[in-house]
N, C-alpha and C. Protein backbone atom coordinates (compact mmCIF):
# COMPACT_ATOMS: atom_id res chain seq x y z
N MET A 1 12.41 -31.44 -52.48
CA MET A 1 11.63 -30.24 -52.28
C MET A 1 10.62 -30.44 -51.13
N LYS A 2 9.97 -31.63 -51.17
CA LYS A 2 8.98 -31.93 -50.14
C LYS A 2 9.64 -31.96 -48.76
N ASN A 3 10.85 -32.53 -48.66
CA ASN A 3 11.57 -32.59 -47.39
C ASN A 3 11.95 -31.20 -46.89
N LEU A 4 12.35 -30.35 -47.78
CA LEU A 4 12.70 -28.98 -47.42
C LEU A 4 11.47 -28.26 -46.88
N PHE A 5 10.33 -28.43 -47.54
CA PHE A 5 9.08 -27.81 -47.10
C PHE A 5 8.69 -28.30 -45.70
N LEU A 6 8.75 -29.61 -45.49
CA LEU A 6 8.40 -30.20 -44.19
C LEU A 6 9.36 -29.72 -43.10
N THR A 7 10.63 -29.60 -43.43
CA THR A 7 11.62 -29.12 -42.46
C THR A 7 11.32 -27.68 -42.06
N LEU A 8 11.01 -26.83 -43.03
CA LEU A 8 10.69 -25.43 -42.75
C LEU A 8 9.42 -25.31 -41.91
N VAL A 9 8.40 -26.10 -42.23
CA VAL A 9 7.17 -26.08 -41.46
C VAL A 9 7.44 -26.54 -40.03
N GLY A 10 8.24 -27.59 -39.88
CA GLY A 10 8.59 -28.10 -38.55
C GLY A 10 9.34 -27.06 -37.73
N LEU A 11 10.32 -26.40 -38.34
CA LEU A 11 11.08 -25.36 -37.65
C LEU A 11 10.18 -24.18 -37.27
N GLY A 12 9.25 -23.82 -38.15
CA GLY A 12 8.32 -22.72 -37.86
C GLY A 12 7.42 -23.05 -36.69
N LEU A 13 6.88 -24.26 -36.66
CA LEU A 13 6.02 -24.68 -35.54
C LEU A 13 6.81 -24.75 -34.23
N ALA A 14 8.03 -25.25 -34.30
CA ALA A 14 8.87 -25.32 -33.09
C ALA A 14 9.16 -23.91 -32.57
N GLY A 15 9.43 -22.98 -33.48
CA GLY A 15 9.68 -21.59 -33.07
C GLY A 15 8.47 -20.97 -32.40
N ILE A 16 7.30 -21.20 -32.97
CA ILE A 16 6.08 -20.67 -32.37
C ILE A 16 5.85 -21.27 -30.99
N PHE A 17 6.05 -22.58 -30.87
CA PHE A 17 5.85 -23.27 -29.59
C PHE A 17 6.78 -22.71 -28.51
N PHE A 18 8.07 -22.58 -28.82
CA PHE A 18 9.02 -22.10 -27.81
C PHE A 18 8.80 -20.63 -27.46
N SER A 19 8.41 -19.81 -28.44
CA SER A 19 8.16 -18.39 -28.12
C SER A 19 6.92 -18.23 -27.26
N SER A 20 5.89 -19.05 -27.46
CA SER A 20 4.69 -18.94 -26.62
C SER A 20 5.00 -19.40 -25.20
N CYS A 21 5.87 -20.39 -25.04
CA CYS A 21 6.27 -20.82 -23.69
C CYS A 21 7.02 -19.72 -22.97
N GLN A 22 7.88 -19.00 -23.70
CA GLN A 22 8.65 -17.91 -23.11
C GLN A 22 7.73 -16.78 -22.66
N GLN A 23 6.70 -16.46 -23.46
CA GLN A 23 5.76 -15.42 -23.09
C GLN A 23 5.00 -15.79 -21.82
N GLN A 24 4.60 -17.06 -21.73
CA GLN A 24 3.88 -17.51 -20.54
C GLN A 24 4.79 -17.44 -19.32
N GLU A 25 6.06 -17.84 -19.49
CA GLU A 25 7.01 -17.78 -18.39
C GLU A 25 7.24 -16.33 -17.94
N ASP A 26 7.36 -15.40 -18.90
CA ASP A 26 7.54 -13.99 -18.57
C ASP A 26 6.33 -13.46 -17.81
N THR A 27 5.12 -13.84 -18.23
CA THR A 27 3.90 -13.41 -17.56
C THR A 27 3.86 -13.92 -16.13
N LEU A 28 4.19 -15.20 -15.94
CA LEU A 28 4.20 -15.78 -14.59
C LEU A 28 5.23 -15.09 -13.71
N LYS A 29 6.40 -14.79 -14.28
CA LYS A 29 7.45 -14.12 -13.52
C LYS A 29 6.98 -12.73 -13.09
N ALA A 30 6.32 -11.99 -13.99
CA ALA A 30 5.81 -10.65 -13.66
C ALA A 30 4.75 -10.74 -12.57
N GLN A 31 3.86 -11.74 -12.65
CA GLN A 31 2.83 -11.90 -11.62
C GLN A 31 3.48 -12.21 -10.27
N ASP A 32 4.51 -13.06 -10.26
CA ASP A 32 5.21 -13.37 -9.01
C ASP A 32 5.82 -12.12 -8.40
N GLU A 33 6.39 -11.23 -9.24
CA GLU A 33 6.99 -10.00 -8.74
C GLU A 33 5.94 -9.10 -8.12
N ILE A 34 4.75 -8.99 -8.73
CA ILE A 34 3.68 -8.17 -8.18
C ILE A 34 3.24 -8.72 -6.84
N ILE A 35 3.05 -10.04 -6.77
CA ILE A 35 2.64 -10.67 -5.52
C ILE A 35 3.68 -10.44 -4.44
N THR A 36 4.95 -10.62 -4.79
CA THR A 36 6.03 -10.40 -3.82
C THR A 36 6.04 -8.96 -3.36
N ASP A 37 5.94 -8.00 -4.30
CA ASP A 37 5.92 -6.59 -3.93
C ASP A 37 4.77 -6.30 -2.99
N ASN A 38 3.57 -6.79 -3.31
CA ASN A 38 2.41 -6.53 -2.46
C ASN A 38 2.57 -7.15 -1.08
N THR A 39 3.11 -8.35 -1.03
CA THR A 39 3.30 -9.03 0.25
C THR A 39 4.30 -8.28 1.11
N GLU A 40 5.33 -7.72 0.48
CA GLU A 40 6.37 -7.03 1.23
C GLU A 40 5.88 -5.71 1.83
N LEU A 41 4.76 -5.16 1.35
CA LEU A 41 4.27 -3.91 1.90
C LEU A 41 3.94 -4.06 3.39
N ILE A 42 3.37 -5.20 3.75
CA ILE A 42 3.09 -5.44 5.16
C ILE A 42 4.31 -6.14 5.71
N ASP A 43 4.99 -5.50 6.65
CA ASP A 43 6.23 -6.09 7.13
C ASP A 43 6.10 -6.61 8.55
N LEU A 44 7.16 -6.51 9.31
CA LEU A 44 7.26 -7.20 10.59
C LEU A 44 6.20 -6.85 11.62
N ARG A 45 5.56 -5.69 11.51
CA ARG A 45 4.56 -5.33 12.52
C ARG A 45 3.41 -6.33 12.52
N VAL A 46 3.12 -6.96 11.38
CA VAL A 46 2.06 -7.95 11.32
C VAL A 46 2.48 -9.20 12.10
N ALA A 47 3.73 -9.60 11.95
CA ALA A 47 4.21 -10.78 12.64
C ALA A 47 4.17 -10.60 14.15
N GLU A 48 4.39 -9.37 14.61
CA GLU A 48 4.37 -9.10 16.04
C GLU A 48 2.97 -9.15 16.62
N SER A 49 1.96 -8.82 15.83
CA SER A 49 0.58 -8.83 16.29
C SER A 49 -0.29 -9.45 15.19
N PRO A 50 -0.48 -10.76 15.24
CA PRO A 50 -1.10 -11.46 14.11
C PRO A 50 -2.60 -11.22 13.94
N ILE A 51 -3.26 -10.56 14.88
CA ILE A 51 -4.70 -10.34 14.73
C ILE A 51 -4.94 -9.07 13.92
N LEU A 52 -5.34 -9.26 12.68
CA LEU A 52 -5.66 -8.13 11.81
C LEU A 52 -7.17 -7.96 11.79
N THR A 53 -7.61 -6.74 11.62
CA THR A 53 -9.05 -6.47 11.57
C THR A 53 -9.44 -6.03 10.17
N ILE A 54 -10.73 -5.93 9.93
CA ILE A 54 -11.25 -5.63 8.59
C ILE A 54 -11.57 -4.14 8.48
N TRP A 55 -11.16 -3.53 7.38
CA TRP A 55 -11.46 -2.13 7.09
C TRP A 55 -12.89 -2.03 6.59
N HIS A 56 -13.67 -1.16 7.23
CA HIS A 56 -15.05 -0.88 6.82
C HIS A 56 -15.15 0.60 6.49
N ASP A 57 -15.79 0.93 5.38
CA ASP A 57 -16.00 2.33 5.04
C ASP A 57 -17.32 2.45 4.30
N ASN A 58 -18.31 3.01 4.99
CA ASN A 58 -19.63 3.16 4.39
C ASN A 58 -19.78 4.48 3.64
N GLY A 59 -18.69 5.24 3.56
CA GLY A 59 -18.65 6.43 2.72
C GLY A 59 -19.59 7.55 3.12
N VAL A 60 -19.73 8.51 2.22
CA VAL A 60 -20.59 9.66 2.44
C VAL A 60 -21.77 9.54 1.47
N TYR A 61 -22.95 9.49 2.01
CA TYR A 61 -24.15 9.47 1.19
C TYR A 61 -25.29 10.07 2.00
N PRO A 62 -26.40 10.43 1.36
CA PRO A 62 -27.49 11.13 2.07
C PRO A 62 -27.89 10.41 3.37
N GLY A 63 -27.97 11.19 4.42
CA GLY A 63 -28.36 10.64 5.71
C GLY A 63 -27.19 10.17 6.55
N LYS A 64 -26.00 10.15 5.97
CA LYS A 64 -24.80 9.74 6.70
C LYS A 64 -23.80 10.90 6.65
N ASP A 65 -23.03 11.04 7.72
CA ASP A 65 -22.06 12.14 7.74
C ASP A 65 -20.68 11.70 7.27
N GLY A 66 -20.56 10.47 6.81
CA GLY A 66 -19.28 10.00 6.31
C GLY A 66 -18.31 9.58 7.38
N LYS A 67 -18.79 9.39 8.62
CA LYS A 67 -17.90 8.99 9.70
C LYS A 67 -18.07 7.52 10.06
N ASP A 68 -18.79 6.79 9.24
CA ASP A 68 -19.04 5.39 9.51
C ASP A 68 -17.94 4.55 8.85
N TYR A 69 -16.77 4.58 9.45
CA TYR A 69 -15.64 3.83 8.93
C TYR A 69 -14.73 3.44 10.09
N GLY A 70 -13.86 2.48 9.84
CA GLY A 70 -12.91 2.05 10.86
C GLY A 70 -12.53 0.60 10.70
N CYS A 71 -11.79 0.09 11.68
CA CYS A 71 -11.31 -1.28 11.65
C CYS A 71 -11.96 -2.07 12.78
N TRP A 72 -12.65 -3.14 12.43
CA TRP A 72 -13.20 -4.05 13.43
C TRP A 72 -13.42 -5.41 12.77
N ASP A 73 -13.75 -6.39 13.53
CA ASP A 73 -13.89 -7.79 13.11
C ASP A 73 -12.51 -8.34 12.72
N GLU A 74 -12.29 -9.59 13.02
CA GLU A 74 -10.99 -10.21 12.73
C GLU A 74 -10.91 -10.71 11.29
N GLY A 75 -9.67 -10.77 10.80
CA GLY A 75 -9.41 -11.39 9.51
C GLY A 75 -9.34 -10.45 8.34
N GLY A 76 -8.78 -9.27 8.50
CA GLY A 76 -8.77 -8.31 7.40
C GLY A 76 -7.40 -7.76 7.08
N ASN A 77 -7.39 -6.50 6.67
CA ASN A 77 -6.16 -5.85 6.21
C ASN A 77 -5.78 -4.62 7.04
N CYS A 78 -6.37 -4.47 8.23
CA CYS A 78 -5.98 -3.37 9.12
C CYS A 78 -4.88 -3.85 10.05
N LEU A 79 -3.79 -3.12 10.06
CA LEU A 79 -2.67 -3.44 10.93
C LEU A 79 -2.97 -2.99 12.36
N PRO A 80 -2.16 -3.41 13.31
CA PRO A 80 -2.34 -2.93 14.69
C PRO A 80 -2.18 -1.41 14.76
N GLU A 81 -2.86 -0.80 15.71
CA GLU A 81 -2.85 0.66 15.88
C GLU A 81 -1.45 1.16 16.22
N VAL A 82 -1.08 2.29 15.63
CA VAL A 82 0.19 2.95 15.93
C VAL A 82 -0.12 4.15 16.82
N ILE A 83 0.58 4.24 17.95
CA ILE A 83 0.42 5.38 18.86
C ILE A 83 1.52 6.38 18.56
N VAL A 84 1.15 7.62 18.29
CA VAL A 84 2.12 8.68 18.01
C VAL A 84 2.02 9.71 19.13
N THR A 85 3.14 9.96 19.78
CA THR A 85 3.18 10.96 20.84
C THR A 85 3.89 12.21 20.31
N PRO A 86 3.21 13.36 20.28
CA PRO A 86 3.87 14.58 19.80
C PRO A 86 5.11 14.91 20.63
N LYS A 87 6.10 15.48 19.98
CA LYS A 87 7.34 15.85 20.68
C LYS A 87 7.08 16.86 21.78
N HIS A 88 6.12 17.74 21.53
CA HIS A 88 5.75 18.75 22.52
C HIS A 88 4.32 18.47 22.96
N PRO A 89 4.10 18.14 24.24
CA PRO A 89 2.78 17.71 24.72
C PRO A 89 1.66 18.71 24.48
N GLU A 90 1.98 20.00 24.35
CA GLU A 90 0.92 20.99 24.14
C GLU A 90 0.38 20.97 22.71
N GLU A 91 1.09 20.31 21.79
CA GLU A 91 0.64 20.25 20.40
C GLU A 91 -0.55 19.31 20.28
N GLU A 92 -1.50 19.70 19.46
CA GLU A 92 -2.68 18.85 19.22
C GLU A 92 -2.35 17.68 18.31
N THR A 93 -1.41 17.88 17.44
CA THR A 93 -1.01 16.82 16.52
C THR A 93 0.46 16.99 16.18
N GLU A 94 1.00 16.07 15.47
CA GLU A 94 2.41 16.09 15.11
C GLU A 94 2.59 16.81 13.78
N GLU A 95 3.52 17.77 13.73
CA GLU A 95 3.71 18.59 12.52
C GLU A 95 4.00 17.74 11.29
N GLU A 96 4.85 16.72 11.45
CA GLU A 96 5.22 15.87 10.31
C GLU A 96 3.99 15.16 9.73
N ILE A 97 3.13 14.66 10.62
CA ILE A 97 1.92 13.97 10.15
C ILE A 97 0.98 14.95 9.47
N ASN A 98 0.80 16.15 10.06
CA ASN A 98 -0.06 17.16 9.44
C ASN A 98 0.40 17.50 8.03
N THR A 99 1.70 17.70 7.88
CA THR A 99 2.25 18.04 6.57
C THR A 99 1.97 16.92 5.59
N LEU A 100 2.25 15.67 5.99
CA LEU A 100 2.02 14.53 5.11
C LEU A 100 0.54 14.41 4.74
N VAL A 101 -0.35 14.51 5.73
CA VAL A 101 -1.79 14.39 5.49
C VAL A 101 -2.27 15.47 4.53
N ASN A 102 -1.76 16.69 4.67
CA ASN A 102 -2.14 17.78 3.76
C ASN A 102 -1.71 17.47 2.32
N PHE A 103 -0.50 16.96 2.16
CA PHE A 103 -0.02 16.61 0.81
C PHE A 103 -0.84 15.47 0.22
N ILE A 104 -1.17 14.47 1.04
CA ILE A 104 -1.98 13.34 0.57
C ILE A 104 -3.34 13.85 0.13
N GLY A 105 -3.96 14.70 0.95
CA GLY A 105 -5.28 15.25 0.64
C GLY A 105 -5.31 16.07 -0.63
N LYS A 106 -4.21 16.72 -0.94
CA LYS A 106 -4.14 17.56 -2.14
C LYS A 106 -3.64 16.77 -3.36
N ASN A 107 -3.45 15.45 -3.17
CA ASN A 107 -2.99 14.57 -4.25
C ASN A 107 -1.65 15.00 -4.84
N LYS A 108 -0.75 15.46 -4.00
CA LYS A 108 0.57 15.92 -4.44
C LYS A 108 1.59 14.81 -4.16
N SER A 109 1.67 13.84 -5.06
CA SER A 109 2.51 12.66 -4.83
C SER A 109 3.99 13.02 -4.69
N ASP A 110 4.47 14.01 -5.44
CA ASP A 110 5.88 14.40 -5.31
C ASP A 110 6.15 14.99 -3.92
N SER A 111 5.21 15.78 -3.42
CA SER A 111 5.37 16.36 -2.09
C SER A 111 5.26 15.29 -1.00
N VAL A 112 4.41 14.28 -1.21
CA VAL A 112 4.31 13.16 -0.27
C VAL A 112 5.66 12.46 -0.19
N LYS A 113 6.23 12.13 -1.34
CA LYS A 113 7.53 11.45 -1.38
C LYS A 113 8.61 12.30 -0.71
N GLU A 114 8.60 13.60 -1.01
CA GLU A 114 9.59 14.51 -0.43
C GLU A 114 9.46 14.55 1.10
N SER A 115 8.23 14.61 1.60
CA SER A 115 7.98 14.62 3.04
C SER A 115 8.45 13.33 3.68
N LEU A 116 8.18 12.19 3.03
CA LEU A 116 8.62 10.89 3.56
C LEU A 116 10.14 10.78 3.57
N LEU A 117 10.77 11.24 2.50
CA LEU A 117 12.24 11.20 2.44
C LEU A 117 12.88 12.09 3.50
N LYS A 118 12.29 13.26 3.69
CA LYS A 118 12.83 14.23 4.66
C LYS A 118 12.76 13.68 6.08
N ASN A 119 11.72 12.91 6.39
CA ASN A 119 11.51 12.37 7.74
C ASN A 119 11.45 10.85 7.70
N LYS A 120 12.38 10.25 6.98
CA LYS A 120 12.37 8.80 6.72
C LYS A 120 12.34 7.97 8.01
N ASP A 121 13.20 8.28 8.95
CA ASP A 121 13.25 7.50 10.20
C ASP A 121 11.93 7.59 10.96
N TYR A 122 11.40 8.79 11.02
CA TYR A 122 10.14 9.03 11.73
C TYR A 122 9.00 8.22 11.10
N PHE A 123 8.85 8.32 9.78
CA PHE A 123 7.73 7.65 9.12
C PHE A 123 7.93 6.14 8.99
N SER A 124 9.17 5.67 9.02
CA SER A 124 9.35 4.21 8.95
C SER A 124 8.79 3.53 10.20
N THR A 125 8.79 4.24 11.34
CA THR A 125 8.21 3.65 12.56
C THR A 125 6.69 3.65 12.51
N ILE A 126 6.10 4.55 11.74
CA ILE A 126 4.65 4.63 11.64
C ILE A 126 4.13 3.74 10.50
N LEU A 127 4.70 3.89 9.33
CA LEU A 127 4.22 3.16 8.15
C LEU A 127 4.83 1.77 8.02
N GLY A 128 6.01 1.59 8.59
CA GLY A 128 6.77 0.37 8.36
C GLY A 128 7.73 0.61 7.20
N GLU A 129 8.88 -0.02 7.28
CA GLU A 129 9.95 0.19 6.30
C GLU A 129 9.51 -0.18 4.88
N ALA A 130 8.83 -1.31 4.73
CA ALA A 130 8.44 -1.78 3.39
C ALA A 130 7.42 -0.84 2.75
N THR A 131 6.44 -0.38 3.51
CA THR A 131 5.44 0.54 2.98
C THR A 131 6.09 1.86 2.59
N LEU A 132 6.99 2.34 3.44
CA LEU A 132 7.71 3.59 3.15
C LEU A 132 8.46 3.47 1.82
N ARG A 133 9.20 2.38 1.64
CA ARG A 133 9.94 2.16 0.39
C ARG A 133 8.99 2.10 -0.81
N ALA A 134 7.86 1.40 -0.64
CA ALA A 134 6.91 1.24 -1.74
C ALA A 134 6.31 2.58 -2.17
N VAL A 135 6.00 3.45 -1.21
CA VAL A 135 5.42 4.75 -1.55
C VAL A 135 6.48 5.63 -2.21
N ILE A 136 7.68 5.63 -1.67
CA ILE A 136 8.75 6.46 -2.25
C ILE A 136 9.07 6.01 -3.67
N SER A 137 9.04 4.69 -3.92
CA SER A 137 9.36 4.18 -5.26
C SER A 137 8.19 4.28 -6.23
N GLY A 138 7.00 4.62 -5.73
CA GLY A 138 5.84 4.75 -6.59
C GLY A 138 5.04 3.46 -6.74
N LYS A 139 5.40 2.41 -6.03
CA LYS A 139 4.66 1.14 -6.11
C LYS A 139 3.39 1.17 -5.27
N ALA A 140 3.28 2.14 -4.39
CA ALA A 140 2.09 2.27 -3.53
C ALA A 140 1.73 3.74 -3.40
N THR A 141 0.47 4.00 -3.09
CA THR A 141 0.00 5.36 -2.84
C THR A 141 -0.75 5.38 -1.51
N LEU A 142 -0.92 6.58 -0.98
CA LEU A 142 -1.57 6.74 0.32
C LEU A 142 -2.83 7.58 0.20
N GLN A 143 -3.83 7.25 1.04
CA GLN A 143 -5.01 8.08 1.24
C GLN A 143 -5.24 8.14 2.74
N THR A 144 -6.06 9.08 3.18
CA THR A 144 -6.32 9.20 4.61
C THR A 144 -7.81 9.26 4.89
N ARG A 145 -8.19 8.86 6.10
CA ARG A 145 -9.55 9.03 6.62
C ARG A 145 -9.39 9.46 8.06
N GLY A 146 -10.11 10.48 8.46
CA GLY A 146 -10.03 10.96 9.83
C GLY A 146 -9.40 12.33 9.92
N THR A 147 -9.35 12.85 11.15
CA THR A 147 -8.89 14.23 11.36
C THR A 147 -7.45 14.34 11.85
N PHE A 148 -6.86 13.25 12.30
CA PHE A 148 -5.49 13.23 12.82
C PHE A 148 -5.31 14.24 13.95
N GLU A 149 -6.29 14.28 14.85
CA GLU A 149 -6.22 15.12 16.03
C GLU A 149 -5.98 14.24 17.25
N LYS A 150 -5.61 14.89 18.35
CA LYS A 150 -5.31 14.19 19.59
C LYS A 150 -6.45 13.29 20.03
N GLN A 151 -6.10 12.08 20.46
CA GLN A 151 -7.01 11.07 21.00
C GLN A 151 -8.01 10.51 19.98
N GLU A 152 -7.91 10.89 18.74
CA GLU A 152 -8.78 10.35 17.70
C GLU A 152 -8.02 9.27 16.94
N ILE A 153 -8.74 8.26 16.48
CA ILE A 153 -8.11 7.27 15.61
C ILE A 153 -8.35 7.73 14.18
N SER A 154 -7.29 7.85 13.43
CA SER A 154 -7.36 8.20 12.02
C SER A 154 -6.65 7.10 11.25
N TYR A 155 -6.78 7.12 9.95
CA TYR A 155 -6.30 5.98 9.17
C TYR A 155 -5.49 6.43 7.96
N ILE A 156 -4.41 5.70 7.70
CA ILE A 156 -3.68 5.85 6.45
C ILE A 156 -3.97 4.58 5.65
N LEU A 157 -4.54 4.76 4.46
CA LEU A 157 -4.89 3.65 3.59
C LEU A 157 -3.79 3.51 2.55
N VAL A 158 -3.26 2.31 2.40
CA VAL A 158 -2.16 2.05 1.47
C VAL A 158 -2.71 1.28 0.27
N TYR A 159 -2.55 1.87 -0.91
CA TYR A 159 -3.02 1.25 -2.14
C TYR A 159 -1.85 0.76 -2.98
N SER A 160 -2.01 -0.40 -3.57
CA SER A 160 -1.02 -0.96 -4.48
C SER A 160 -1.76 -1.48 -5.71
N ASN A 161 -1.28 -1.11 -6.88
CA ASN A 161 -1.94 -1.49 -8.13
C ASN A 161 -3.41 -1.06 -8.16
N GLY A 162 -3.71 0.09 -7.57
CA GLY A 162 -5.06 0.64 -7.58
C GLY A 162 -6.04 -0.01 -6.61
N LYS A 163 -5.57 -0.96 -5.81
CA LYS A 163 -6.46 -1.65 -4.86
C LYS A 163 -5.97 -1.42 -3.43
N LEU A 164 -6.93 -1.33 -2.50
CA LEU A 164 -6.56 -1.17 -1.10
C LEU A 164 -5.77 -2.39 -0.65
N HIS A 165 -4.57 -2.14 -0.16
CA HIS A 165 -3.70 -3.23 0.27
C HIS A 165 -3.78 -3.43 1.78
N HIS A 166 -3.57 -2.36 2.53
CA HIS A 166 -3.71 -2.45 3.97
C HIS A 166 -3.97 -1.07 4.56
N VAL A 167 -4.38 -1.06 5.82
CA VAL A 167 -4.76 0.17 6.51
C VAL A 167 -3.95 0.27 7.79
N ILE A 168 -3.47 1.48 8.09
CA ILE A 168 -2.70 1.71 9.31
C ILE A 168 -3.49 2.67 10.19
N PRO A 169 -4.08 2.15 11.28
CA PRO A 169 -4.77 3.04 12.23
C PRO A 169 -3.74 3.81 13.06
N ILE A 170 -3.97 5.10 13.23
CA ILE A 170 -3.04 5.95 13.99
C ILE A 170 -3.81 6.72 15.05
N ARG A 171 -3.29 6.68 16.27
CA ARG A 171 -3.86 7.47 17.37
C ARG A 171 -2.76 8.42 17.87
N ILE A 172 -3.09 9.71 17.95
CA ILE A 172 -2.13 10.69 18.45
C ILE A 172 -2.46 10.96 19.90
N ARG A 173 -1.48 10.77 20.76
CA ARG A 173 -1.70 10.97 22.22
C ARG A 173 -1.54 12.41 22.60
């Protein structure tokens, strides 16, 4: 009887030990997937221009007009500037970007995805292929800062897991 009891206790402890190891392994695997997903958001454009700058945003508060933001200083999460030339030189901005910015501003994630899918080739050159895929799949979201008018630098902020991941400065010529 005593041997049976000891055997059952031993098997129970072994089961608990192995199940806790499996849970830890699953947790580590999930963390690796998140890290990999986040790393993949910034793709080849970073490798082409390794100097990244830091995103600064002092927000809107009394005495400030909310325009104290941008990318400067080395060592941050701002990608190199993307230059967008409108198809028709008389246009102040690009229709596709205006549509996307309006949907982002209105928090219409389905419309953002639809706009990106409709103009996939166009936006992959601006956002990068990995960021485009992440937004379409729901792994990342977009916010904007700026007016997206000619000769102005405006910004698309890319968030992953609720945190700012990287910033894409855009200048429309």
